[in-house]
Amino acid sequence: MKRNWLVFALAASVLINLGVAAGVGYRLADRGSDGQRQLFGMPHGNLPDYLGLTAEQRMQWEKLEQGFVAELDRDFAEVSARRERLIRLVLADAPDAAAIEAERAAIFAAQERQQRRVIAQLLQERALLTAAQREKLAELLIRQSATVDAPARGGHR
């Protein structure tokens, strides 16, 4: 009986975390009607315009972006595939606590790697922005964070 309770508690915790991670992942990978990647609540290609980058800044920005977006896509694909495996493990006829924990840990590691990539990218981009452009980007990120972090209304608690 105690083992079943532990598996249930772990499953409930994982599903809550999955909901939060799915919300963040969805916002990060959302694509606009033109198929363009959405970051920070706007089509990613519009971010340089929003920030008012000069031609020189735009060249440097695009250079920084070349591998970053592909890496982010790979991370997102890995997390999505692992999330699906985790859900199937949790909802299996006989949940395997060790397999569930291993998949949860792998998701956490992939998300941490993704966060580190985003932070490293922001630090590189920060170096080429003016103070005013950094402030615009900070405000955009804070607004986006507030919508991602907002509690779900009317959903599971």
N, C-alpha and C. Protein backbone atom coordinates (compact mmCIF):
# COMPACT_ATOMS: atom_id res chain seq x y z
N MET A 1 0.82 -1.20 0.00
CA MET A 1 0.00 0.00 0.00
C MET A 1 0.87 1.26 0.00
N LYS A 2 1.94 1.26 0.80
CA LYS A 2 2.81 2.42 0.88
C LYS A 2 3.47 2.70 -0.47
N ARG A 3 3.86 1.63 -1.19
CA ARG A 3 4.49 1.79 -2.50
C ARG A 3 3.51 2.42 -3.49
N ASN A 4 2.24 2.01 -3.46
CA ASN A 4 1.24 2.59 -4.36
C ASN A 4 1.04 4.07 -4.08
N TRP A 5 1.05 4.46 -2.80
CA TRP A 5 0.92 5.86 -2.44
C TRP A 5 2.10 6.66 -2.96
N LEU A 6 3.30 6.09 -2.83
CA LEU A 6 4.51 6.76 -3.31
C LEU A 6 4.46 6.96 -4.82
N VAL A 7 4.05 5.93 -5.54
CA VAL A 7 3.94 6.03 -7.00
C VAL A 7 2.90 7.09 -7.37
N PHE A 8 1.77 7.10 -6.66
CA PHE A 8 0.73 8.09 -6.94
C PHE A 8 1.24 9.50 -6.67
N ALA A 9 1.91 9.70 -5.54
CA ALA A 9 2.44 11.02 -5.20
C ALA A 9 3.46 11.48 -6.23
N LEU A 10 4.35 10.57 -6.63
CA LEU A 10 5.34 10.90 -7.64
C LEU A 10 4.66 11.24 -8.97
N ALA A 11 3.67 10.45 -9.34
CA ALA A 11 2.96 10.69 -10.60
C ALA A 11 2.25 12.04 -10.57
N ALA A 12 1.59 12.35 -9.46
CA ALA A 12 0.90 13.63 -9.36
C ALA A 12 1.89 14.79 -9.46
N SER A 13 3.01 14.67 -8.78
CA SER A 13 4.03 15.71 -8.82
C SER A 13 4.57 15.90 -10.23
N VAL A 14 4.85 14.80 -10.88
CA VAL A 14 5.38 14.86 -12.25
C VAL A 14 4.37 15.49 -13.19
N LEU A 15 3.09 15.12 -13.06
CA LEU A 15 2.08 15.69 -13.95
C LEU A 15 1.91 17.19 -13.74
N ILE A 16 2.00 17.65 -12.50
CA ILE A 16 1.94 19.09 -12.24
C ILE A 16 3.13 19.78 -12.89
N ASN A 17 4.33 19.21 -12.69
CA ASN A 17 5.53 19.79 -13.31
C ASN A 17 5.44 19.76 -14.82
N LEU A 18 4.86 18.71 -15.36
CA LEU A 18 4.69 18.63 -16.81
C LEU A 18 3.78 19.73 -17.32
N GLY A 19 2.74 20.03 -16.56
CA GLY A 19 1.83 21.09 -16.97
C GLY A 19 2.55 22.43 -17.04
N VAL A 20 3.35 22.71 -16.03
CA VAL A 20 4.12 23.96 -16.01
C VAL A 20 5.12 23.97 -17.17
N ALA A 21 5.86 22.87 -17.31
CA ALA A 21 6.87 22.79 -18.37
C ALA A 21 6.22 22.88 -19.75
N ALA A 22 5.07 22.26 -19.90
CA ALA A 22 4.37 22.31 -21.19
C ALA A 22 3.97 23.74 -21.53
N GLY A 23 3.53 24.48 -20.52
CA GLY A 23 3.16 25.88 -20.75
C GLY A 23 4.35 26.70 -21.21
N VAL A 24 5.48 26.51 -20.54
CA VAL A 24 6.70 27.24 -20.91
C VAL A 24 7.15 26.80 -22.30
N GLY A 25 7.18 25.49 -22.52
CA GLY A 25 7.61 24.97 -23.81
C GLY A 25 6.72 25.44 -24.95
N TYR A 26 5.42 25.47 -24.69
CA TYR A 26 4.47 25.91 -25.71
C TYR A 26 4.73 27.37 -26.07
N ARG A 27 4.91 28.19 -25.05
CA ARG A 27 5.17 29.60 -25.32
C ARG A 27 6.47 29.78 -26.08
N LEU A 28 7.48 28.98 -25.72
CA LEU A 28 8.78 29.11 -26.37
C LEU A 28 8.73 28.65 -27.82
N ALA A 29 7.99 27.58 -28.09
CA ALA A 29 7.99 26.99 -29.42
C ALA A 29 6.79 27.40 -30.27
N ASP A 30 5.93 28.24 -29.73
CA ASP A 30 4.75 28.68 -30.46
C ASP A 30 5.17 29.26 -31.80
N ARG A 31 4.42 28.96 -32.82
CA ARG A 31 4.73 29.49 -34.14
C ARG A 31 3.59 30.39 -34.59
N GLY A 32 3.96 31.50 -35.20
CA GLY A 32 2.97 32.45 -35.68
C GLY A 32 2.28 31.93 -36.92
N SER A 33 1.30 32.69 -37.40
CA SER A 33 0.56 32.26 -38.57
C SER A 33 1.45 32.19 -39.80
N ASP A 34 2.55 32.90 -39.80
CA ASP A 34 3.46 32.84 -40.95
C ASP A 34 4.50 31.75 -40.77
N GLY A 35 4.36 30.91 -39.74
CA GLY A 35 5.29 29.81 -39.52
C GLY A 35 6.56 30.24 -38.81
N GLN A 36 6.65 31.49 -38.43
CA GLN A 36 7.87 31.99 -37.82
C GLN A 36 7.89 31.66 -36.34
N ARG A 37 9.05 31.29 -35.82
CA ARG A 37 9.21 30.96 -34.42
C ARG A 37 8.83 32.15 -33.56
N GLN A 38 8.09 31.88 -32.49
CA GLN A 38 7.70 32.93 -31.55
C GLN A 38 8.62 32.87 -30.34
N LEU A 39 9.24 33.96 -30.01
CA LEU A 39 10.00 34.09 -28.78
C LEU A 39 9.58 35.39 -28.12
N PHE A 40 9.44 35.34 -26.82
CA PHE A 40 9.12 36.53 -26.04
C PHE A 40 7.82 37.17 -26.50
N GLY A 41 6.87 36.35 -26.96
CA GLY A 41 5.54 36.85 -27.29
C GLY A 41 5.42 37.53 -28.63
N MET A 42 6.41 37.41 -29.48
CA MET A 42 6.32 38.01 -30.81
C MET A 42 7.09 37.13 -31.80
N PRO A 43 6.78 37.24 -33.09
CA PRO A 43 7.56 36.49 -34.06
C PRO A 43 9.04 36.82 -33.88
N HIS A 44 9.86 35.79 -33.82
CA HIS A 44 11.27 35.97 -33.51
C HIS A 44 11.96 36.92 -34.48
N GLY A 45 11.57 36.88 -35.74
CA GLY A 45 12.16 37.77 -36.73
C GLY A 45 11.85 39.23 -36.47
N ASN A 46 10.79 39.52 -35.71
CA ASN A 46 10.42 40.90 -35.40
C ASN A 46 11.20 41.46 -34.22
N LEU A 47 11.87 40.62 -33.47
CA LEU A 47 12.58 41.09 -32.28
C LEU A 47 13.65 42.14 -32.60
N PRO A 48 14.48 41.96 -33.63
CA PRO A 48 15.44 43.01 -33.96
C PRO A 48 14.78 44.34 -34.30
N ASP A 49 13.63 44.28 -34.99
CA ASP A 49 12.90 45.52 -35.30
C ASP A 49 12.35 46.15 -34.03
N TYR A 50 11.77 45.33 -33.16
CA TYR A 50 11.22 45.83 -31.90
C TYR A 50 12.30 46.52 -31.07
N LEU A 51 13.49 45.93 -31.05
CA LEU A 51 14.59 46.50 -30.27
C LEU A 51 15.25 47.69 -30.97
N GLY A 52 14.97 47.87 -32.26
CA GLY A 52 15.55 48.97 -33.01
C GLY A 52 17.03 48.77 -33.28
N LEU A 53 17.40 47.54 -33.68
CA LEU A 53 18.81 47.27 -33.95
C LEU A 53 19.29 48.01 -35.19
N THR A 54 20.53 48.46 -35.13
CA THR A 54 21.16 49.07 -36.29
C THR A 54 21.53 47.95 -37.28
N ALA A 55 21.96 48.33 -38.46
CA ALA A 55 22.37 47.33 -39.46
C ALA A 55 23.53 46.48 -38.92
N GLU A 56 24.49 47.13 -38.27
CA GLU A 56 25.64 46.40 -37.70
C GLU A 56 25.19 45.47 -36.58
N GLN A 57 24.33 45.94 -35.71
CA GLN A 57 23.82 45.11 -34.62
C GLN A 57 23.04 43.92 -35.19
N ARG A 58 22.24 44.18 -36.21
CA ARG A 58 21.43 43.12 -36.81
C ARG A 58 22.33 42.01 -37.38
N MET A 59 23.43 42.41 -38.04
CA MET A 59 24.37 41.41 -38.57
C MET A 59 24.92 40.55 -37.44
N GLN A 60 25.36 41.20 -36.36
CA GLN A 60 25.90 40.46 -35.22
C GLN A 60 24.83 39.59 -34.58
N TRP A 61 23.62 40.11 -34.47
CA TRP A 61 22.49 39.39 -33.88
C TRP A 61 22.22 38.11 -34.67
N GLU A 62 22.14 38.25 -35.99
CA GLU A 62 21.85 37.10 -36.84
C GLU A 62 22.96 36.06 -36.75
N LYS A 63 24.19 36.51 -36.63
CA LYS A 63 25.32 35.59 -36.47
C LYS A 63 25.18 34.79 -35.16
N LEU A 64 24.80 35.48 -34.09
CA LEU A 64 24.60 34.80 -32.81
C LEU A 64 23.44 33.80 -32.85
N GLU A 65 22.44 34.11 -33.66
CA GLU A 65 21.24 33.28 -33.71
C GLU A 65 21.41 31.99 -34.52
N GLN A 66 22.42 31.92 -35.37
CA GLN A 66 22.53 30.81 -36.32
C GLN A 66 22.39 29.44 -35.67
N GLY A 67 23.21 29.12 -34.72
CA GLY A 67 23.14 27.81 -34.10
C GLY A 67 22.16 27.73 -32.95
N PHE A 68 21.87 28.87 -32.35
CA PHE A 68 21.04 28.90 -31.15
C PHE A 68 19.64 28.34 -31.40
N VAL A 69 18.98 28.80 -32.44
CA VAL A 69 17.61 28.36 -32.71
C VAL A 69 17.57 26.87 -32.99
N ALA A 70 18.54 26.35 -33.72
CA ALA A 70 18.58 24.91 -34.01
C ALA A 70 18.77 24.12 -32.72
N GLU A 71 19.65 24.59 -31.84
CA GLU A 71 19.87 23.91 -30.56
C GLU A 71 18.61 23.94 -29.71
N LEU A 72 17.93 25.06 -29.71
CA LEU A 72 16.70 25.19 -28.95
C LEU A 72 15.63 24.24 -29.49
N ASP A 73 15.55 24.12 -30.80
CA ASP A 73 14.60 23.18 -31.41
C ASP A 73 14.92 21.74 -31.01
N ARG A 74 16.20 21.38 -31.01
CA ARG A 74 16.59 20.02 -30.60
C ARG A 74 16.22 19.76 -29.14
N ASP A 75 16.50 20.73 -28.28
CA ASP A 75 16.16 20.59 -26.86
C ASP A 75 14.65 20.43 -26.69
N PHE A 76 13.89 21.25 -27.39
CA PHE A 76 12.43 21.18 -27.27
C PHE A 76 11.91 19.83 -27.75
N ALA A 77 12.47 19.33 -28.85
CA ALA A 77 12.05 18.02 -29.37
C ALA A 77 12.37 16.92 -28.37
N GLU A 78 13.54 17.00 -27.74
CA GLU A 78 13.91 15.98 -26.74
C GLU A 78 12.97 16.03 -25.55
N VAL A 79 12.70 17.22 -25.04
CA VAL A 79 11.81 17.35 -23.89
C VAL A 79 10.41 16.85 -24.25
N SER A 80 9.92 17.18 -25.42
CA SER A 80 8.60 16.73 -25.85
C SER A 80 8.52 15.21 -25.92
N ALA A 81 9.53 14.59 -26.51
CA ALA A 81 9.54 13.12 -26.62
C ALA A 81 9.63 12.48 -25.24
N ARG A 82 10.48 13.01 -24.39
CA ARG A 82 10.61 12.47 -23.03
C ARG A 82 9.34 12.69 -22.22
N ARG A 83 8.69 13.82 -22.41
CA ARG A 83 7.45 14.10 -21.70
C ARG A 83 6.39 13.07 -22.08
N GLU A 84 6.32 12.74 -23.37
CA GLU A 84 5.35 11.73 -23.81
C GLU A 84 5.67 10.37 -23.18
N ARG A 85 6.96 10.00 -23.17
CA ARG A 85 7.33 8.73 -22.53
C ARG A 85 6.98 8.73 -21.06
N LEU A 86 7.22 9.85 -20.40
CA LEU A 86 6.92 9.94 -18.98
C LEU A 86 5.43 9.79 -18.71
N ILE A 87 4.62 10.44 -19.49
CA ILE A 87 3.17 10.32 -19.32
C ILE A 87 2.74 8.88 -19.49
N ARG A 88 3.30 8.22 -20.51
CA ARG A 88 2.94 6.81 -20.73
C ARG A 88 3.41 5.93 -19.57
N LEU A 89 4.58 6.22 -19.02
CA LEU A 89 5.07 5.46 -17.87
C LEU A 89 4.19 5.68 -16.65
N VAL A 90 3.83 6.92 -16.40
CA VAL A 90 3.00 7.25 -15.23
C VAL A 90 1.63 6.60 -15.34
N LEU A 91 1.06 6.59 -16.52
CA LEU A 91 -0.30 6.08 -16.70
C LEU A 91 -0.36 4.62 -17.14
N ALA A 92 0.77 3.94 -17.09
CA ALA A 92 0.82 2.52 -17.46
C ALA A 92 0.03 1.68 -16.46
N ASP A 93 -0.33 0.47 -16.86
CA ASP A 93 -1.04 -0.45 -15.96
C ASP A 93 -0.25 -0.69 -14.68
N ALA A 94 1.06 -0.83 -14.82
CA ALA A 94 1.92 -1.06 -13.65
C ALA A 94 3.07 -0.05 -13.70
N PRO A 95 2.86 1.15 -13.15
CA PRO A 95 3.91 2.18 -13.20
C PRO A 95 5.20 1.70 -12.54
N ASP A 96 6.30 1.97 -13.21
CA ASP A 96 7.63 1.62 -12.70
C ASP A 96 8.26 2.89 -12.14
N ALA A 97 8.33 2.97 -10.80
CA ALA A 97 8.81 4.17 -10.14
C ALA A 97 10.23 4.54 -10.58
N ALA A 98 11.10 3.57 -10.77
CA ALA A 98 12.48 3.84 -11.17
C ALA A 98 12.52 4.41 -12.60
N ALA A 99 11.73 3.87 -13.50
CA ALA A 99 11.69 4.36 -14.88
C ALA A 99 11.09 5.76 -14.92
N ILE A 100 10.07 5.99 -14.11
CA ILE A 100 9.45 7.32 -14.03
C ILE A 100 10.47 8.34 -13.55
N GLU A 101 11.19 7.99 -12.49
CA GLU A 101 12.19 8.91 -11.94
C GLU A 101 13.31 9.17 -12.94
N ALA A 102 13.75 8.14 -13.66
CA ALA A 102 14.81 8.31 -14.64
C ALA A 102 14.37 9.26 -15.76
N GLU A 103 13.13 9.11 -16.21
CA GLU A 103 12.63 9.98 -17.28
C GLU A 103 12.45 11.41 -16.77
N ARG A 104 11.96 11.55 -15.53
CA ARG A 104 11.82 12.88 -14.93
C ARG A 104 13.18 13.57 -14.83
N ALA A 105 14.18 12.82 -14.39
CA ALA A 105 15.53 13.38 -14.27
C ALA A 105 16.09 13.78 -15.64
N ALA A 106 15.82 12.99 -16.66
CA ALA A 106 16.29 13.31 -18.01
C ALA A 106 15.61 14.57 -18.53
N ILE A 107 14.32 14.74 -18.24
CA ILE A 107 13.60 15.95 -18.64
C ILE A 107 14.20 17.16 -17.93
N PHE A 108 14.43 17.01 -16.64
CA PHE A 108 15.02 18.10 -15.87
C PHE A 108 16.38 18.50 -16.45
N ALA A 109 17.21 17.51 -16.78
CA ALA A 109 18.54 17.80 -17.33
C ALA A 109 18.42 18.52 -18.68
N ALA A 110 17.50 18.08 -19.52
CA ALA A 110 17.31 18.72 -20.82
C ALA A 110 16.80 20.15 -20.66
N GLN A 111 15.88 20.35 -19.73
CA GLN A 111 15.36 21.70 -19.49
C GLN A 111 16.44 22.60 -18.91
N GLU A 112 17.26 22.06 -18.03
CA GLU A 112 18.35 22.85 -17.47
C GLU A 112 19.35 23.25 -18.57
N ARG A 113 19.66 22.31 -19.46
CA ARG A 113 20.56 22.61 -20.59
C ARG A 113 19.95 23.70 -21.46
N GLN A 114 18.64 23.61 -21.69
CA GLN A 114 17.94 24.60 -22.49
C GLN A 114 18.00 25.97 -21.82
N GLN A 115 17.77 26.01 -20.52
CA GLN A 115 17.84 27.28 -19.79
C GLN A 115 19.23 27.88 -19.86
N ARG A 116 20.25 27.04 -19.72
CA ARG A 116 21.63 27.53 -19.79
C ARG A 116 21.93 28.11 -21.18
N ARG A 117 21.42 27.46 -22.22
CA ARG A 117 21.61 27.98 -23.58
C ARG A 117 20.95 29.34 -23.74
N VAL A 118 19.73 29.46 -23.23
CA VAL A 118 19.02 30.74 -23.36
C VAL A 118 19.77 31.83 -22.61
N ILE A 119 20.24 31.54 -21.41
CA ILE A 119 20.98 32.54 -20.62
C ILE A 119 22.27 32.93 -21.33
N ALA A 120 23.00 31.95 -21.84
CA ALA A 120 24.25 32.24 -22.55
C ALA A 120 23.96 33.11 -23.78
N GLN A 121 22.88 32.79 -24.48
CA GLN A 121 22.50 33.57 -25.66
C GLN A 121 22.14 35.00 -25.27
N LEU A 122 21.36 35.15 -24.22
CA LEU A 122 20.98 36.49 -23.77
C LEU A 122 22.21 37.31 -23.36
N LEU A 123 23.17 36.66 -22.73
CA LEU A 123 24.40 37.38 -22.34
C LEU A 123 25.17 37.84 -23.58
N GLN A 124 25.21 37.00 -24.60
CA GLN A 124 25.88 37.41 -25.84
C GLN A 124 25.13 38.55 -26.51
N GLU A 125 23.81 38.44 -26.56
CA GLU A 125 23.00 39.49 -27.19
C GLU A 125 23.10 40.78 -26.39
N ARG A 126 23.14 40.66 -25.07
CA ARG A 126 23.25 41.82 -24.19
C ARG A 126 24.48 42.65 -24.55
N ALA A 127 25.56 41.97 -24.87
CA ALA A 127 26.82 42.66 -25.16
C ALA A 127 26.72 43.56 -26.39
N LEU A 128 25.82 43.28 -27.30
CA LEU A 128 25.74 44.12 -28.50
C LEU A 128 24.61 45.15 -28.43
N LEU A 129 23.82 45.14 -27.36
CA LEU A 129 22.70 46.07 -27.23
C LEU A 129 23.09 47.33 -26.46
N THR A 130 22.41 48.42 -26.78
CA THR A 130 22.57 49.64 -26.00
C THR A 130 21.76 49.49 -24.71
N ALA A 131 21.95 50.42 -23.78
CA ALA A 131 21.20 50.39 -22.52
C ALA A 131 19.70 50.44 -22.78
N ALA A 132 19.27 51.29 -23.71
CA ALA A 132 17.84 51.41 -24.01
C ALA A 132 17.29 50.12 -24.62
N GLN A 133 18.06 49.49 -25.50
CA GLN A 133 17.64 48.23 -26.11
C GLN A 133 17.58 47.12 -25.07
N ARG A 134 18.55 47.10 -24.15
CA ARG A 134 18.52 46.10 -23.07
C ARG A 134 17.29 46.29 -22.20
N GLU A 135 16.93 47.52 -21.94
CA GLU A 135 15.74 47.80 -21.12
C GLU A 135 14.48 47.32 -21.84
N LYS A 136 14.38 47.56 -23.15
CA LYS A 136 13.22 47.09 -23.92
C LYS A 136 13.14 45.57 -23.87
N LEU A 137 14.29 44.90 -24.03
CA LEU A 137 14.31 43.44 -23.99
C LEU A 137 13.94 42.95 -22.60
N ALA A 138 14.46 43.61 -21.57
CA ALA A 138 14.14 43.21 -20.19
C ALA A 138 12.64 43.33 -19.93
N GLU A 139 12.04 44.43 -20.36
CA GLU A 139 10.60 44.62 -20.16
C GLU A 139 9.80 43.55 -20.89
N LEU A 140 10.22 43.22 -22.09
CA LEU A 140 9.56 42.18 -22.88
C LEU A 140 9.66 40.83 -22.18
N LEU A 141 10.84 40.50 -21.69
CA LEU A 141 11.05 39.22 -21.00
C LEU A 141 10.24 39.16 -19.70
N ILE A 142 10.18 40.26 -18.98
CA ILE A 142 9.42 40.29 -17.73
C ILE A 142 7.93 40.13 -18.01
N ARG A 143 7.41 40.80 -19.03
CA ARG A 143 6.00 40.63 -19.41
C ARG A 143 5.71 39.18 -19.80
N GLN A 144 6.61 38.60 -20.59
CA GLN A 144 6.43 37.21 -21.03
C GLN A 144 6.48 36.27 -19.83
N SER A 145 7.41 36.50 -18.93
CA SER A 145 7.54 35.67 -17.74
C SER A 145 6.28 35.73 -16.90
N ALA A 146 5.67 36.90 -16.79
CA ALA A 146 4.46 37.05 -16.00
C ALA A 146 3.31 36.23 -16.58
N THR A 147 3.22 36.15 -17.91
CA THR A 147 2.14 35.36 -18.51
C THR A 147 2.40 33.87 -18.39
N VAL A 148 3.66 33.46 -18.44
CA VAL A 148 3.99 32.03 -18.31
C VAL A 148 3.83 31.58 -16.87
N ASP A 149 4.22 32.45 -15.92
CA ASP A 149 4.21 32.09 -14.50
C ASP A 149 2.83 32.26 -13.85
N ALA A 150 1.89 32.88 -14.54
CA ALA A 150 0.57 33.11 -13.95
C ALA A 150 -0.11 31.78 -13.64
N PRO A 151 -0.76 31.68 -12.49
CA PRO A 151 -1.41 30.42 -12.14
C PRO A 151 -2.58 30.14 -13.09
N ALA A 152 -2.80 28.87 -13.32
CA ALA A 152 -3.91 28.46 -14.18
C ALA A 152 -5.23 28.78 -13.47
N ARG A 153 -6.15 29.30 -14.19
CA ARG A 153 -7.45 29.64 -13.61
C ARG A 153 -8.46 28.57 -14.00
N GLY A 154 -9.11 28.04 -13.00
CA GLY A 154 -10.15 27.04 -13.25
C GLY A 154 -9.60 25.67 -13.59
N GLY A 155 -8.29 25.50 -13.48
CA GLY A 155 -7.71 24.19 -13.80
C GLY A 155 -7.42 23.41 -12.55
N HIS A 156 -6.55 22.44 -12.66
CA HIS A 156 -6.16 21.61 -11.53
C HIS A 156 -5.29 22.42 -10.58
N ARG A 157 -5.40 22.14 -9.34
CA ARG A 157 -4.57 22.83 -8.34
C ARG A 157 -3.79 21.84 -7.56
